[in-house]
Amino acid sequence: MNSPSVVAAAMAALMIFLLLTPPSDAAISCSDVIKDLRPCVNYLMNGTGKPPAACCSGISAIQTTASTTADKQAACNCIKSASKQINPKPQLAQALPANCGITLPFTVSPNVDCSKIT
């Protein structure tokens, strides 16, 4: 069963990619996050197999852009808010990091607390 909390978990997992970014002076806006993740939406809702290259490129762009704690938390909150509007397949959402070739040191969960990201 698909639910907004699963969507939030998946999108929060994408945000966690931001934890892997090197420091820089970049700032991130919600509109940039949405633009970068837009190629993932159809995949998360209807896809099978590997995500499109544009989706993984978008994740990579967010990872590069969001470098400060504030940027990471803002991106997380933006993703969680936007994710409430789509209805993804939970298995695709949970597998998205690995399917884009990124390993995360945590379990994807709908309970990610954006304020705890540093």
Protein backbone atom coordinates (compact mmCIF):
# COMPACT_ATOMS: atom_id res chain seq x y z
CA MET A 1 0.00 0.00 0.00
CA ASN A 2 1.36 3.42 -0.96
CA SER A 3 1.09 6.25 1.52
CA PRO A 4 2.41 9.77 1.99
CA SER A 5 4.65 8.56 4.82
CA VAL A 6 6.39 6.14 2.44
CA VAL A 7 6.83 8.96 -0.03
CA ALA A 8 8.25 11.13 2.71
CA ALA A 9 10.65 8.37 3.67
CA ALA A 10 11.83 7.91 0.13
CA MET A 11 12.32 11.57 -0.45
CA ALA A 12 13.97 12.00 2.93
CA ALA A 13 16.37 9.26 1.92
CA LEU A 14 17.25 11.28 -1.13
CA MET A 15 17.92 14.21 1.12
CA ILE A 16 20.33 12.12 3.14
CA PHE A 17 22.54 12.04 0.07
CA LEU A 18 23.29 15.55 1.13
CA LEU A 19 25.19 14.21 4.12
CA LEU A 20 27.78 12.85 1.75
CA THR A 21 28.59 16.21 0.15
CA PRO A 22 31.87 18.03 0.55
CA PRO A 23 31.82 21.48 2.17
CA SER A 24 31.24 24.53 -0.04
CA ASP A 25 29.54 27.91 0.07
CA ALA A 26 26.56 26.81 -2.03
CA ALA A 27 23.00 27.65 -1.01
CA ILE A 28 19.96 25.60 -1.99
CA SER A 29 16.37 26.61 -2.62
CA CYS A 30 13.26 24.47 -2.55
CA SER A 31 12.64 25.23 -6.21
CA ASP A 32 16.12 23.90 -7.08
CA VAL A 33 15.49 20.72 -5.10
CA ILE A 34 12.15 20.14 -6.82
CA LYS A 35 13.66 20.83 -10.24
CA ASP A 36 16.48 18.34 -9.61
CA LEU A 37 14.14 15.61 -8.33
CA ARG A 38 11.39 16.07 -10.92
CA PRO A 39 12.91 13.35 -13.19
CA CYS A 40 12.43 10.84 -10.32
CA VAL A 41 8.67 11.32 -9.89
CA ASN A 42 7.42 9.15 -12.77
CA TYR A 43 9.93 6.46 -11.87
CA LEU A 44 8.83 6.42 -8.23
CA MET A 45 5.17 6.24 -9.21
CA ASN A 46 5.25 3.89 -12.20
CA GLY A 47 8.77 2.67 -12.80
CA THR A 48 10.50 -0.66 -12.78
CA GLY A 49 14.17 -1.55 -12.81
CA LYS A 50 16.71 1.24 -12.68
CA PRO A 51 15.77 4.92 -12.36
CA PRO A 52 16.38 7.15 -15.38
CA ALA A 53 19.80 8.73 -15.63
CA ALA A 54 18.22 12.18 -15.23
CA CYS A 55 16.85 11.13 -11.83
CA CYS A 56 20.25 10.02 -10.56
CA SER A 57 21.80 13.18 -12.04
CA GLY A 58 19.28 15.25 -10.10
CA ILE A 59 20.16 13.49 -6.88
CA SER A 60 23.81 14.10 -7.60
CA ALA A 61 23.13 17.80 -8.24
CA ILE A 62 21.42 18.14 -4.86
CA GLN A 63 24.29 16.32 -3.21
CA THR A 64 26.72 18.82 -4.75
CA THR A 65 24.66 21.93 -4.03
CA ALA A 66 23.52 21.35 -0.45
CA SER A 67 26.67 21.53 1.59
CA THR A 68 25.82 23.30 4.84
CA THR A 69 23.71 21.89 7.64
CA ALA A 70 21.07 24.54 6.93
CA ASP A 71 21.01 23.62 3.22
CA LYS A 72 20.67 19.92 4.03
CA GLN A 73 17.84 20.50 6.48
CA ALA A 74 16.06 22.86 4.06
CA ALA A 75 16.34 20.31 1.25
CA CYS A 76 15.04 17.55 3.53
CA ASN A 77 12.02 19.62 4.57
CA CYS A 78 11.33 20.61 0.97
CA ILE A 79 11.48 16.99 -0.19
CA LYS A 80 9.23 15.80 2.62
CA SER A 81 6.68 18.50 1.83
CA ALA A 82 6.70 17.86 -1.92
CA SER A 83 6.54 14.10 -1.47
CA LYS A 84 3.09 14.35 0.08
CA GLN A 85 1.75 15.19 -3.37
CA ILE A 86 2.86 11.98 -5.12
CA ASN A 87 2.08 8.32 -4.54
CA PRO A 88 5.23 6.24 -5.22
CA LYS A 89 5.74 2.52 -5.17
CA PRO A 90 7.32 1.95 -1.75
CA GLN A 91 9.81 -0.62 -3.03
CA LEU A 92 11.13 1.79 -5.67
CA ALA A 93 11.41 4.61 -3.18
CA GLN A 94 13.36 2.47 -0.74
CA ALA A 95 15.67 1.13 -3.46
CA LEU A 96 16.31 4.48 -5.16
CA PRO A 97 19.67 5.22 -3.45
CA ALA A 98 21.12 1.82 -4.34
CA ASN A 99 19.63 1.98 -7.84
CA CYS A 100 21.49 5.27 -8.37
CA GLY A 101 24.73 3.69 -7.16
CA ILE A 102 24.83 5.34 -3.75
CA THR A 103 25.16 3.49 -0.46
CA LEU A 104 23.61 5.06 2.61
CA PRO A 105 24.76 4.31 6.17
CA PHE A 106 21.19 4.17 7.50
CA THR A 107 17.83 2.57 6.86
CA VAL A 108 15.35 4.51 4.74
CA SER A 109 12.50 5.40 7.07
CA PRO A 110 9.41 7.62 7.07
CA ASN A 111 10.59 8.85 10.46
CA VAL A 112 13.62 10.83 9.27
CA ASP A 113 13.84 13.98 11.37
CA CYS A 114 15.28 16.71 9.15
CA SER A 115 16.32 18.77 12.19
CA LYS A 116 18.75 16.03 13.22
CA ILE A 117 20.74 16.21 9.97
CA THR A 118 24.10 17.91 10.42
